[in-house]
Amino acid sequence: MTAEDKLRPEDRDFVAALASGLEVLQAFDQQHPRMTLSEVATRTGMDRAKARRFLLTLHALGYLDKQQRHFALTPRVLQLGNAFLSANPYRVVIQHYLEEITREIGESTSLGILDGDDVVYIARSAAEHRLMAIRLAVGTRLPAAYTSIGRVLLAQLPETELESYLERVRLEVHTEHSITDKTELRRALEIVRRQGYAIVDQELDSGLRSLAVPAFDQRGQLLGAINISTNAARVDMATLTGRFLPLLQEKARLIRETLQG
C-alpha cells in the first residue's frame, strides 16, 4: 500500500478511537516508562477526559498497569510485537548472518525497517562493547535521518514519498556533525542511492560510526537494511569501507540467496 492509498483521519472508514488508543500506547518509551494521566494527555495532545478513558480501557484489557496515579506498559504489549516478528520468518535467516558478522569482526549489527519517520530495529546481534547512551534492542526507534539504516531505506523510497518525507521531517542537532539542512540531506540520500550503501559518521551520537546496505528477498522486495555500528576512535573510515563494507554486502547477497532456497 502506498502513502496515497492509506486512509486519512477524515475518511469514513478511519476509526479514530483505535488510532487514539494506539497513540496512548506509543506515548510510553524509554524516557517515559511510567506516566500520570496529565503526562499522557500532554504527550498525546489529548484532553484529560479523553486520555483517561483510553488509559482505563487499556488497563482493563491488560495492556497497562496502574499503580496509584501512574500507568506503565505490561508484558502483554509484547504480544503485539511478537505477532509481527512471528509473521516474518525471514528474520531467522537475517539473524543468523548478523551473528556471523559479530563473531567475525566483533561489532554490533542490526536489521531495521522504516516506520513513518523512524527506523525500528527488528533484529540485532550486539557486541560486548556499548556504543551509545541509548541501549539498542529489538523495538528501539531512532530518527531515520540520522542512522545509516534510515538513510538506506529513505534512498529506496519513490520520489513522491521522499519529497513528502523531506517536507515534514524536523532535522535536529544531535552532535556537531548532524545534518540540519534538508537540501544537504537530499544530496546525501542521492549519494546513498547511487552507491548502494550509507555511512553515518557521528551524527546521532558522538563516537558512533555506522554503515548500512539494503537487504532484499528472493523476489527483490526490500526487507529492510542491515548495518554495522562501531566506534569512530576504534575503526577508521578506511577499515569501514575497505573491510566492513564488502563483508556487509556479501551477507546481504547470502540473505537473498538463502531465502531463494
Protein backbone atom coordinates (compact mmCIF):
# COMPACT_ATOMS: atom_id res chain seq x y z
CA MET A 1 0.00 0.00 0.00
CA THR A 2 1.39 3.36 -0.99
CA ALA A 3 1.05 6.55 1.02
CA GLU A 4 -1.67 7.65 -1.41
CA ASP A 5 -3.73 4.50 -0.65
CA LYS A 6 -3.78 4.97 3.11
CA LEU A 7 -6.88 6.22 4.87
CA ARG A 8 -6.84 9.76 6.20
CA PRO A 9 -8.38 10.77 9.53
CA GLU A 10 -11.26 12.46 7.71
CA ASP A 11 -12.16 9.28 5.76
CA ARG A 12 -15.38 7.49 6.74
CA ASP A 13 -13.65 4.17 7.39
CA PHE A 14 -10.98 5.66 9.66
CA VAL A 15 -11.54 4.51 13.27
CA ALA A 16 -10.41 7.46 15.37
CA ALA A 17 -10.82 5.65 18.69
CA LEU A 18 -8.47 2.87 17.61
CA ALA A 19 -5.91 5.42 16.41
CA SER A 20 -6.09 7.26 19.72
CA GLY A 21 -5.68 4.07 21.73
CA LEU A 22 -2.56 3.16 19.81
CA GLU A 23 -1.26 6.71 20.25
CA VAL A 24 -1.57 6.31 24.02
CA LEU A 25 0.41 3.06 23.94
CA GLN A 26 3.11 4.67 21.79
CA ALA A 27 3.44 7.55 24.24
CA PHE A 28 5.33 5.23 26.61
CA ASP A 29 9.01 4.84 25.79
CA GLN A 30 12.43 4.57 27.38
CA GLN A 31 12.32 8.15 28.63
CA HIS A 32 8.68 7.85 29.77
CA PRO A 33 8.18 4.31 31.18
CA ARG A 34 5.69 5.47 33.85
CA MET A 35 3.31 8.39 33.44
CA THR A 36 0.40 10.04 35.13
CA LEU A 37 -2.84 10.91 33.36
CA SER A 38 -1.68 14.51 32.97
CA GLU A 39 1.64 13.44 31.44
CA VAL A 40 -0.08 11.14 28.93
CA ALA A 41 -2.52 13.89 27.99
CA THR A 42 0.36 16.29 27.43
CA ARG A 43 2.40 13.84 25.31
CA THR A 44 -0.55 12.85 23.11
CA GLY A 45 -2.19 16.28 22.90
CA MET A 46 -5.48 14.85 24.20
CA ASP A 47 -7.68 16.45 26.81
CA ARG A 48 -7.60 14.77 30.23
CA ALA A 49 -11.07 13.20 29.93
CA LYS A 50 -10.25 11.52 26.63
CA ALA A 51 -6.82 10.33 27.80
CA ARG A 52 -8.38 8.96 30.99
CA ARG A 53 -10.90 6.84 29.03
CA PHE A 54 -8.18 5.29 26.88
CA LEU A 55 -5.87 4.67 29.82
CA LEU A 56 -8.58 2.93 31.83
CA THR A 57 -9.68 0.88 28.81
CA LEU A 58 -6.12 -0.27 28.09
CA HIS A 59 -5.73 -1.07 31.79
CA ALA A 60 -8.92 -3.17 31.67
CA LEU A 61 -7.59 -5.03 28.61
CA GLY A 62 -4.31 -5.79 30.40
CA TYR A 63 -2.01 -3.60 28.29
CA LEU A 64 -1.35 -1.10 31.08
CA ASP A 65 -0.59 -1.47 34.76
CA LYS A 66 -1.88 1.14 37.22
CA GLN A 67 -0.13 1.96 40.46
CA GLN A 68 -1.86 4.81 42.27
CA ARG A 69 -1.53 7.79 39.85
CA HIS A 70 0.95 6.17 37.45
CA PHE A 71 0.43 3.96 34.41
CA ALA A 72 3.02 1.67 32.78
CA LEU A 73 3.04 -0.85 29.95
CA THR A 74 2.60 -4.53 30.82
CA PRO A 75 4.31 -7.51 29.13
CA ARG A 76 1.07 -8.14 27.24
CA VAL A 77 2.09 -5.35 24.86
CA LEU A 78 4.84 -7.69 23.64
CA GLN A 79 2.15 -9.86 22.03
CA LEU A 80 1.56 -7.08 19.51
CA GLY A 81 5.21 -7.01 18.50
CA ASN A 82 5.52 -10.79 18.57
CA ALA A 83 2.72 -11.08 16.03
CA PHE A 84 4.82 -9.07 13.57
CA LEU A 85 8.02 -10.98 14.33
CA SER A 86 6.41 -14.41 14.01
CA ALA A 87 4.73 -13.40 10.74
CA ASN A 88 8.10 -12.54 9.18
CA PRO A 89 10.22 -15.73 9.23
CA TYR A 90 12.99 -14.13 7.15
CA ARG A 91 14.21 -12.64 10.42
CA VAL A 92 15.63 -16.03 11.41
CA VAL A 93 17.80 -16.07 8.29
CA ILE A 94 18.96 -12.50 8.79
CA GLN A 95 19.63 -13.04 12.49
CA HIS A 96 21.97 -15.88 11.56
CA TYR A 97 24.04 -13.64 9.30
CA LEU A 98 24.04 -10.76 11.78
CA GLU A 99 25.52 -13.07 14.39
CA GLU A 100 28.11 -14.26 11.88
CA ILE A 101 29.23 -10.66 11.34
CA THR A 102 29.52 -10.02 15.06
CA ARG A 103 31.60 -13.19 15.54
CA GLU A 104 33.88 -12.25 12.65
CA ILE A 105 34.58 -8.59 13.42
CA GLY A 106 33.38 -8.12 16.99
CA GLU A 107 30.94 -5.31 16.15
CA SER A 108 27.20 -4.88 16.69
CA THR A 109 24.89 -5.45 13.73
CA SER A 110 21.18 -4.83 13.21
CA LEU A 111 18.24 -5.15 10.83
CA GLY A 112 15.89 -2.19 10.71
CA ILE A 113 12.79 -1.15 8.82
CA LEU A 114 11.26 2.25 8.12
CA ASP A 115 8.16 3.12 10.14
CA GLY A 116 7.00 6.65 9.48
CA ASP A 117 9.98 8.94 10.02
CA ASP A 118 11.77 6.46 12.28
CA VAL A 119 13.83 3.33 11.96
CA VAL A 120 12.60 0.41 14.05
CA TYR A 121 15.11 -2.31 14.93
CA ILE A 122 13.62 -5.78 14.37
CA ALA A 123 16.74 -7.97 14.70
CA ARG A 124 20.05 -7.35 16.40
CA SER A 125 23.35 -9.01 17.28
CA ALA A 126 25.07 -6.97 19.98
CA ALA A 127 28.80 -6.88 20.62
CA GLU A 128 30.13 -6.73 24.15
CA HIS A 129 31.08 -3.06 23.99
CA ARG A 130 28.30 -0.50 24.23
CA LEU A 131 28.32 2.25 21.61
CA MET A 132 25.50 4.63 22.51
CA ALA A 133 23.97 6.25 25.54
CA ILE A 134 20.73 4.67 24.30
CA ARG A 135 20.70 0.89 24.68
CA LEU A 136 19.63 -0.54 21.33
CA ALA A 137 17.33 -3.56 21.28
CA VAL A 138 14.60 -5.07 19.12
CA GLY A 139 11.84 -2.47 19.07
CA THR A 140 14.10 0.56 19.53
CA ARG A 141 13.13 3.54 17.37
CA LEU A 142 15.63 6.12 16.10
CA PRO A 143 15.22 9.05 13.66
CA ALA A 144 15.75 7.76 10.12
CA ALA A 145 17.63 10.88 9.01
CA TYR A 146 20.49 10.21 11.43
CA THR A 147 21.03 6.46 11.07
CA SER A 148 22.75 4.56 8.28
CA ILE A 149 19.81 2.13 8.15
CA GLY A 150 17.42 5.04 7.83
CA ARG A 151 19.31 6.70 5.01
CA VAL A 152 19.49 3.46 3.03
CA LEU A 153 15.74 3.00 3.41
CA LEU A 154 14.93 6.64 2.66
CA ALA A 155 17.02 6.38 -0.50
CA GLN A 156 14.84 3.44 -1.59
CA LEU A 157 11.62 5.45 -1.36
CA PRO A 158 9.78 6.50 -4.54
CA GLU A 159 10.44 10.15 -5.33
CA THR A 160 6.99 11.34 -4.25
CA GLU A 161 7.29 9.65 -0.85
CA LEU A 162 10.80 11.00 -0.36
CA GLU A 163 9.58 14.52 -1.16
CA SER A 164 6.78 14.15 1.36
CA TYR A 165 9.26 12.97 4.00
CA LEU A 166 11.61 15.89 3.35
CA GLU A 167 8.75 18.38 3.60
CA ARG A 168 7.58 17.19 7.03
CA VAL A 169 10.75 15.97 8.76
CA ARG A 170 12.27 18.07 11.53
CA LEU A 171 16.06 17.94 11.46
CA GLU A 172 17.68 18.34 14.85
CA VAL A 173 21.18 18.87 16.20
CA HIS A 174 22.27 15.68 17.93
CA THR A 175 26.00 16.32 17.60
CA GLU A 176 28.22 18.89 15.91
CA HIS A 177 28.24 16.63 12.83
CA SER A 178 24.45 16.39 12.39
CA ILE A 179 22.96 17.44 9.06
CA THR A 180 20.37 20.13 9.71
CA ASP A 181 19.74 21.37 6.17
CA LYS A 182 17.16 19.50 4.08
CA THR A 183 18.96 20.24 0.82
CA GLU A 184 22.11 18.72 2.27
CA LEU A 185 20.16 15.68 3.46
CA ARG A 186 18.70 15.20 -0.02
CA ARG A 187 22.19 15.32 -1.53
CA ALA A 188 23.35 12.74 0.99
CA LEU A 189 20.43 10.46 0.08
CA GLU A 190 21.17 10.82 -3.64
CA ILE A 191 24.72 9.64 -2.96
CA VAL A 192 23.37 6.67 -1.00
CA ARG A 193 21.02 5.82 -3.86
CA ARG A 194 23.89 5.85 -6.38
CA GLN A 195 26.44 3.92 -4.35
CA GLY A 196 24.06 1.45 -2.69
CA TYR A 197 25.20 1.96 0.90
CA ALA A 198 25.18 4.62 3.61
CA ILE A 199 27.73 5.75 6.15
CA VAL A 200 26.67 8.00 9.01
CA ASP A 201 29.59 9.36 10.96
CA GLN A 202 28.80 10.65 14.47
CA GLU A 203 25.60 12.47 13.51
CA LEU A 204 23.35 10.81 16.09
CA ASP A 205 25.79 10.16 18.91
CA SER A 206 29.39 11.31 19.33
CA GLY A 207 31.76 8.47 18.53
CA LEU A 208 29.12 6.36 16.76
CA ARG A 209 30.01 5.46 13.18
CA SER A 210 27.77 3.12 11.18
CA LEU A 211 27.45 1.54 7.77
CA ALA A 212 24.33 0.02 6.17
CA VAL A 213 23.20 -1.74 2.99
CA PRO A 214 19.72 -2.78 1.83
CA ALA A 215 18.51 -6.36 2.30
CA PHE A 216 16.21 -7.94 -0.28
CA ASP A 217 14.28 -11.21 -0.53
CA GLN A 218 14.34 -13.66 -3.42
CA ARG A 219 11.83 -11.57 -5.40
CA GLY A 220 13.81 -8.39 -5.00
CA GLN A 221 11.43 -6.99 -2.39
CA LEU A 222 13.05 -4.76 0.22
CA LEU A 223 13.12 -6.41 3.65
CA GLY A 224 14.92 -3.58 5.41
CA ALA A 225 18.55 -2.62 5.84
CA ILE A 226 21.36 -4.27 7.77
CA ASN A 227 24.14 -2.32 9.39
CA ILE A 228 27.39 -2.47 11.33
CA SER A 229 27.79 0.01 14.18
CA THR A 230 31.20 0.82 15.57
CA ASN A 231 33.24 3.35 17.49
CA ALA A 232 34.92 6.08 15.45
CA ALA A 233 38.00 6.01 17.67
CA ARG A 234 38.42 2.27 17.18
CA VAL A 235 37.53 1.81 13.49
CA ASP A 236 38.69 4.31 10.87
CA MET A 237 36.90 5.05 7.61
CA ALA A 238 39.37 3.01 5.57
CA THR A 239 38.52 -0.11 7.60
CA LEU A 240 34.83 0.65 7.39
CA THR A 241 34.82 0.89 3.59
CA GLY A 242 37.67 -1.50 2.83
CA ARG A 243 36.80 -4.39 5.14
CA PHE A 244 33.36 -3.94 6.67
CA LEU A 245 31.51 -2.83 3.53
CA PRO A 246 32.43 -5.89 1.40
CA LEU A 247 31.53 -8.14 4.35
CA LEU A 248 28.12 -6.49 4.78
CA GLN A 249 27.41 -6.64 1.04
CA GLU A 250 28.34 -10.33 0.99
CA LYS A 251 25.96 -11.09 3.86
CA ALA A 252 23.17 -9.18 2.08
CA ARG A 253 23.82 -11.34 -1.00
CA LEU A 254 23.72 -14.52 1.10
CA ILE A 255 20.45 -13.45 2.72
CA ARG A 256 18.84 -13.13 -0.71
CA GLU A 257 20.29 -16.44 -1.92
CA THR A 258 19.29 -18.29 1.25
CA LEU A 259 15.72 -17.04 1.01
CA GLN A 260 15.56 -18.40 -2.56
CA GLY A 261 16.02 -21.86 -1.16
